[in-house]
């Protein structure tokens, strides 16, 4: 049985964030939902997408 990857979208309001400055916005196994969320900008300066704790998009 294949386990689906877990996607996490993090956001920060800082223009030059450190690792501790990223806050979890969304955790899902739905790749489409994660991709949509990482490209939204409301309330954040940067967003980041991870797949199973590996950074896929570092700053969007």
PDB file of N, CA and C in Angstrom:
ATOM      1  N   UNK A   1       0.844  -1.192   0.000  1.00  0.00           N
ATOM      2  CA  UNK A   1       0.000   0.000   0.000  1.00  0.00           C
ATOM      3  C   UNK A   1       0.882   1.247   0.000  1.00  0.00           C
ATOM      4  N   UNK A   2       0.662   2.128  -0.943  1.00  0.00           N
ATOM      5  CA  UNK A   2       1.424   3.369  -1.037  1.00  0.00           C
ATOM      6  C   UNK A   2       0.803   4.444  -0.175  1.00  0.00           C
ATOM      7  N   UNK A   3       1.628   5.067   0.615  1.00  0.00           N
ATOM      8  CA  UNK A   3       1.161   6.173   1.449  1.00  0.00           C
ATOM      9  C   UNK A   3       1.333   7.465   0.668  1.00  0.00           C
ATOM     10  N   UNK A   4       0.295   8.297   0.685  1.00  0.00           N
ATOM     11  CA  UNK A   4       0.364   9.577  -0.014  1.00  0.00           C
ATOM     12  C   UNK A   4       1.287  10.526   0.735  1.00  0.00           C
ATOM     13  N   UNK A   5       2.010  11.359  -0.012  1.00  0.00           N
ATOM     14  CA  UNK A   5       2.873  12.342   0.657  1.00  0.00           C
ATOM     15  C   UNK A   5       2.046  13.382   1.408  1.00  0.00           C
ATOM     16  N   UNK A   6       2.648  13.955   2.413  1.00  0.00           N
ATOM     17  CA  UNK A   6       2.019  15.039   3.163  1.00  0.00           C
ATOM     18  C   UNK A   6       2.638  16.346   2.712  1.00  0.00           C
ATOM     19  N   UNK A   7       1.778  17.266   2.315  1.00  0.00           N
ATOM     20  CA  UNK A   7       2.203  18.593   1.874  1.00  0.00           C
ATOM     21  C   UNK A   7       1.910  19.586   2.987  1.00  0.00           C
ATOM     22  N   UNK A   8       2.860  20.471   3.219  1.00  0.00           N
ATOM     23  CA  UNK A   8       2.667  21.522   4.221  1.00  0.00           C
ATOM     24  C   UNK A   8       2.988  22.871   3.579  1.00  0.00           C
ATOM     25  N   UNK A   9       2.112  23.817   3.814  1.00  0.00           N
ATOM     26  CA  UNK A   9       2.309  25.179   3.338  1.00  0.00           C
ATOM     27  C   UNK A   9       2.577  26.043   4.568  1.00  0.00           C
ATOM     28  N   UNK A  10       3.689  26.768   4.521  1.00  0.00           N
ATOM     29  CA  UNK A  10       4.075  27.671   5.594  1.00  0.00           C
ATOM     30  C   UNK A  10       4.051  29.093   5.072  1.00  0.00           C
ATOM     31  N   UNK A  11       3.839  30.037   5.949  1.00  0.00           N
ATOM     32  CA  UNK A  11       3.848  31.441   5.563  1.00  0.00           C
ATOM     33  C   UNK A  11       4.580  32.282   6.588  1.00  0.00           C
ATOM     34  N   UNK A  12       5.028  33.442   6.129  1.00  0.00           N
ATOM     35  CA  UNK A  12       5.680  34.405   7.019  1.00  0.00           C
ATOM     36  C   UNK A  12       5.353  35.817   6.541  1.00  0.00           C
ATOM     37  N   UNK A  13       5.327  36.729   7.472  1.00  0.00           N
ATOM     38  CA  UNK A  13       5.095  38.133   7.127  1.00  0.00           C
ATOM     39  C   UNK A  13       6.409  38.893   6.982  1.00  0.00           C
ATOM     40  N   UNK A  14       7.523  38.225   7.191  1.00  0.00           N
ATOM     41  CA  UNK A  14       8.834  38.870   7.145  1.00  0.00           C
ATOM     42  C   UNK A  14       9.453  38.759   5.755  1.00  0.00           C
ATOM     43  N   UNK A  15      10.153  39.798   5.338  1.00  0.00           N
ATOM     44  CA  UNK A  15      10.780  39.776   4.009  1.00  0.00           C
ATOM     45  C   UNK A  15      12.062  38.948   3.983  1.00  0.00           C
ATOM     46  N   UNK A  16      12.708  38.794   5.123  1.00  0.00           N
ATOM     47  CA  UNK A  16      13.928  37.995   5.217  1.00  0.00           C
ATOM     48  C   UNK A  16      13.837  37.027   6.378  1.00  0.00           C
ATOM     49  N   UNK A  17      12.992  36.007   6.265  1.00  0.00           N
ATOM     50  CA  UNK A  17      12.705  35.134   7.414  1.00  0.00           C
ATOM     51  C   UNK A  17      13.825  34.150   7.738  1.00  0.00           C
ATOM     52  N   UNK A  18      13.957  33.850   9.024  1.00  0.00           N
ATOM     53  CA  UNK A  18      14.790  32.752   9.508  1.00  0.00           C
ATOM     54  C   UNK A  18      13.891  31.514   9.567  1.00  0.00           C
ATOM     55  N   UNK A  19      14.462  30.355   9.775  1.00  0.00           N
ATOM     56  CA  UNK A  19      13.680  29.113   9.828  1.00  0.00           C
ATOM     57  C   UNK A  19      12.558  29.180  10.873  1.00  0.00           C
ATOM     58  N   UNK A  20      12.812  29.798  11.983  1.00  0.00           N
ATOM     59  CA  UNK A  20      11.815  29.854  13.073  1.00  0.00           C
ATOM     60  C   UNK A  20      10.641  30.792  12.771  1.00  0.00           C
ATOM     61  N   UNK A  21      10.764  31.598  11.709  1.00  0.00           N
ATOM     62  CA  UNK A  21       9.735  32.589  11.385  1.00  0.00           C
ATOM     63  C   UNK A  21       8.591  32.042  10.531  1.00  0.00           C
ATOM     64  N   UNK A  22       8.697  30.806  10.068  1.00  0.00           N
ATOM     65  CA  UNK A  22       7.666  30.210   9.219  1.00  0.00           C
ATOM     66  C   UNK A  22       6.568  29.580  10.075  1.00  0.00           C
ATOM     67  N   UNK A  23       5.305  29.896   9.739  1.00  0.00           N
ATOM     68  CA  UNK A  23       4.158  29.351  10.471  1.00  0.00           C
ATOM     69  C   UNK A  23       3.353  28.454   9.551  1.00  0.00           C
ATOM     70  N   UNK A  24       2.914  27.319  10.074  1.00  0.00           N
ATOM     71  CA  UNK A  24       2.126  26.373   9.298  1.00  0.00           C
ATOM     72  C   UNK A  24       0.759  26.970   8.954  1.00  0.00           C
ATOM     73  N   UNK A  25       0.420  26.943   7.669  1.00  0.00           N
ATOM     74  CA  UNK A  25      -0.870  27.439   7.193  1.00  0.00           C
ATOM     75  C   UNK A  25      -1.797  26.278   6.848  1.00  0.00           C
ATOM     76  N   UNK A  26      -1.231  25.243   6.212  1.00  0.00           N
ATOM     77  CA  UNK A  26      -2.044  24.135   5.722  1.00  0.00           C
ATOM     78  C   UNK A  26      -1.226  22.857   5.721  1.00  0.00           C
ATOM     79  N   UNK A  27      -1.859  21.747   6.125  1.00  0.00           N
ATOM     80  CA  UNK A  27      -1.269  20.411   6.002  1.00  0.00           C
ATOM     81  C   UNK A  27      -2.298  19.534   5.309  1.00  0.00           C
ATOM     82  N   UNK A  28      -1.903  18.883   4.203  1.00  0.00           N
ATOM     83  CA  UNK A  28      -2.842  18.114   3.405  1.00  0.00           C
ATOM     84  C   UNK A  28      -2.118  17.030   2.614  1.00  0.00           C
ATOM     85  N   UNK A  29      -2.862  16.040   2.146  1.00  0.00           N
ATOM     86  CA  UNK A  29      -2.309  15.044   1.220  1.00  0.00           C
ATOM     87  C   UNK A  29      -2.733  15.360  -0.213  1.00  0.00           C
ATOM     88  N   UNK A  30      -3.458  16.441  -0.394  1.00  0.00           N
ATOM     89  CA  UNK A  30      -3.947  16.855  -1.712  1.00  0.00           C
ATOM     90  C   UNK A  30      -2.962  17.838  -2.347  1.00  0.00           C
ATOM     91  N   UNK A  31      -2.248  17.380  -3.380  1.00  0.00           N
ATOM     92  CA  UNK A  31      -1.230  18.214  -4.034  1.00  0.00           C
ATOM     93  C   UNK A  31      -1.833  19.469  -4.657  1.00  0.00           C
ATOM     94  N   UNK A  32      -3.012  19.355  -5.249  1.00  0.00           N
ATOM     95  CA  UNK A  32      -3.656  20.505  -5.886  1.00  0.00           C
ATOM     96  C   UNK A  32      -4.013  21.570  -4.851  1.00  0.00           C
ATOM     97  N   UNK A  33      -4.538  21.146  -3.722  1.00  0.00           N
ATOM     98  CA  UNK A  33      -4.899  22.083  -2.663  1.00  0.00           C
ATOM     99  C   UNK A  33      -3.653  22.788  -2.117  1.00  0.00           C
ATOM    100  N   UNK A  34      -2.577  22.053  -1.935  1.00  0.00           N
ATOM    101  CA  UNK A  34      -1.336  22.642  -1.430  1.00  0.00           C
ATOM    102  C   UNK A  34      -0.760  23.642  -2.424  1.00  0.00           C
ATOM    103  N   UNK A  35      -0.787  23.283  -3.711  1.00  0.00           N
ATOM    104  CA  UNK A  35      -0.268  24.180  -4.745  1.00  0.00           C
ATOM    105  C   UNK A  35      -1.064  25.466  -4.811  1.00  0.00           C
ATOM    106  N   UNK A  36      -2.370  25.347  -4.708  1.00  0.00           N
ATOM    107  CA  UNK A  36      -3.223  26.541  -4.720  1.00  0.00           C
ATOM    108  C   UNK A  36      -2.914  27.424  -3.508  1.00  0.00           C
ATOM    109  N   UNK A  37      -2.804  26.815  -2.344  1.00  0.00           N
ATOM    110  CA  UNK A  37      -2.568  27.579  -1.113  1.00  0.00           C
ATOM    111  C   UNK A  37      -1.211  28.276  -1.113  1.00  0.00           C
ATOM    112  N   UNK A  38      -0.195  27.641  -1.676  1.00  0.00           N
ATOM    113  CA  UNK A  38       1.139  28.248  -1.655  1.00  0.00           C
ATOM    114  C   UNK A  38       1.206  29.469  -2.571  1.00  0.00           C
ATOM    115  N   UNK A  39       0.328  29.545  -3.552  1.00  0.00           N
ATOM    116  CA  UNK A  39       0.344  30.691  -4.471  1.00  0.00           C
ATOM    117  C   UNK A  39      -0.586  31.833  -4.042  1.00  0.00           C
ATOM    118  N   UNK A  40      -1.339  31.650  -2.969  1.00  0.00           N
ATOM    119  CA  UNK A  40      -2.142  32.741  -2.422  1.00  0.00           C
ATOM    120  C   UNK A  40      -1.213  33.663  -1.637  1.00  0.00           C
ATOM    121  N   UNK A  41      -1.562  34.919  -1.538  1.00  0.00           N
ATOM    122  CA  UNK A  41      -0.667  35.864  -0.861  1.00  0.00           C
ATOM    123  C   UNK A  41      -1.294  36.551   0.346  1.00  0.00           C
ATOM    124  N   UNK A  42      -2.552  36.346   0.582  1.00  0.00           N
ATOM    125  CA  UNK A  42      -3.233  37.057   1.661  1.00  0.00           C
ATOM    126  C   UNK A  42      -2.589  36.777   3.018  1.00  0.00           C
ATOM    127  N   UNK A  43      -2.195  37.838   3.685  1.00  0.00           N
ATOM    128  CA  UNK A  43      -1.683  37.741   5.043  1.00  0.00           C
ATOM    129  C   UNK A  43      -0.229  37.316   5.170  1.00  0.00           C
ATOM    130  N   UNK A  44       0.465  37.114   4.054  1.00  0.00           N
ATOM    131  CA  UNK A  44       1.861  36.691   4.130  1.00  0.00           C
ATOM    132  C   UNK A  44       2.717  37.465   3.139  1.00  0.00           C
ATOM    133  N   UNK A  45       4.008  37.508   3.417  1.00  0.00           N
ATOM    134  CA  UNK A  45       4.977  38.092   2.485  1.00  0.00           C
ATOM    135  C   UNK A  45       5.540  36.968   1.611  1.00  0.00           C
ATOM    136  N   UNK A  46       5.912  35.857   2.257  1.00  0.00           N
ATOM    137  CA  UNK A  46       6.408  34.666   1.565  1.00  0.00           C
ATOM    138  C   UNK A  46       5.592  33.450   1.977  1.00  0.00           C
ATOM    139  N   UNK A  47       5.545  32.460   1.076  1.00  0.00           N
ATOM    140  CA  UNK A  47       5.001  31.151   1.410  1.00  0.00           C
ATOM    141  C   UNK A  47       5.992  30.095   0.966  1.00  0.00           C
ATOM    142  N   UNK A  48       5.936  28.951   1.604  1.00  0.00           N
ATOM    143  CA  UNK A  48       6.849  27.841   1.334  1.00  0.00           C
ATOM    144  C   UNK A  48       6.033  26.550   1.278  1.00  0.00           C
ATOM    145  N   UNK A  49       6.425  25.649   0.371  1.00  0.00           N
ATOM    146  CA  UNK A  49       5.751  24.356   0.237  1.00  0.00           C
ATOM    147  C   UNK A  49       6.744  23.243   0.520  1.00  0.00           C
ATOM    148  N   UNK A  50       6.334  22.294   1.374  1.00  0.00           N
ATOM    149  CA  UNK A  50       7.147  21.108   1.613  1.00  0.00           C
ATOM    150  C   UNK A  50       6.354  19.861   1.261  1.00  0.00           C
ATOM    151  N   UNK A  51       7.078  18.817   0.870  1.00  0.00           N
ATOM    152  CA  UNK A  51       6.484  17.501   0.618  1.00  0.00           C
ATOM    153  C   UNK A  51       7.249  16.519   1.488  1.00  0.00           C
ATOM    154  N   UNK A  52       6.560  15.924   2.437  1.00  0.00           N
ATOM    155  CA  UNK A  52       7.194  15.009   3.398  1.00  0.00           C
ATOM    156  C   UNK A  52       8.458  15.626   4.006  1.00  0.00           C
ATOM    157  N   UNK A  53       8.339  16.861   4.463  1.00  0.00           N
ATOM    158  CA  UNK A  53       9.392  17.605   5.157  1.00  0.00           C
ATOM    159  C   UNK A  53      10.588  17.997   4.283  1.00  0.00           C
ATOM    160  N   UNK A  54      10.456  17.843   2.965  1.00  0.00           N
ATOM    161  CA  UNK A  54      11.478  18.316   2.032  1.00  0.00           C
ATOM    162  C   UNK A  54      10.942  19.578   1.356  1.00  0.00           C
ATOM    163  N   UNK A  55      11.711  20.650   1.394  1.00  0.00           N
ATOM    164  CA  UNK A  55      11.272  21.909   0.783  1.00  0.00           C
ATOM    165  C   UNK A  55      11.211  21.734  -0.727  1.00  0.00           C
ATOM    166  N   UNK A  56      10.026  22.009  -1.290  1.00  0.00           N
ATOM    167  CA  UNK A  56       9.800  21.912  -2.740  1.00  0.00           C
ATOM    168  C   UNK A  56       9.868  23.309  -3.371  1.00  0.00           C
ATOM    169  N   UNK A  57       9.195  24.253  -2.755  1.00  0.00           N
ATOM    170  CA  UNK A  57       9.237  25.659  -3.189  1.00  0.00           C
ATOM    171  C   UNK A  57       9.663  26.476  -1.970  1.00  0.00           C
ATOM    172  N   UNK A  58      10.894  26.994  -1.963  1.00  0.00           N
ATOM    173  CA  UNK A  58      11.388  27.681  -0.774  1.00  0.00           C
ATOM    174  C   UNK A  58      10.741  29.031  -0.499  1.00  0.00           C
ATOM    175  N   UNK A  59      10.478  29.801  -1.546  1.00  0.00           N
ATOM    176  CA  UNK A  59       9.846  31.117  -1.347  1.00  0.00           C
ATOM    177  C   UNK A  59       8.999  31.453  -2.554  1.00  0.00           C
ATOM    178  N   UNK A  60       7.702  31.616  -2.306  1.00  0.00           N
ATOM    179  CA  UNK A  60       6.767  31.974  -3.371  1.00  0.00           C
ATOM    180  C   UNK A  60       6.074  33.248  -2.949  1.00  0.00           C
TER     181      UNK A  60
END
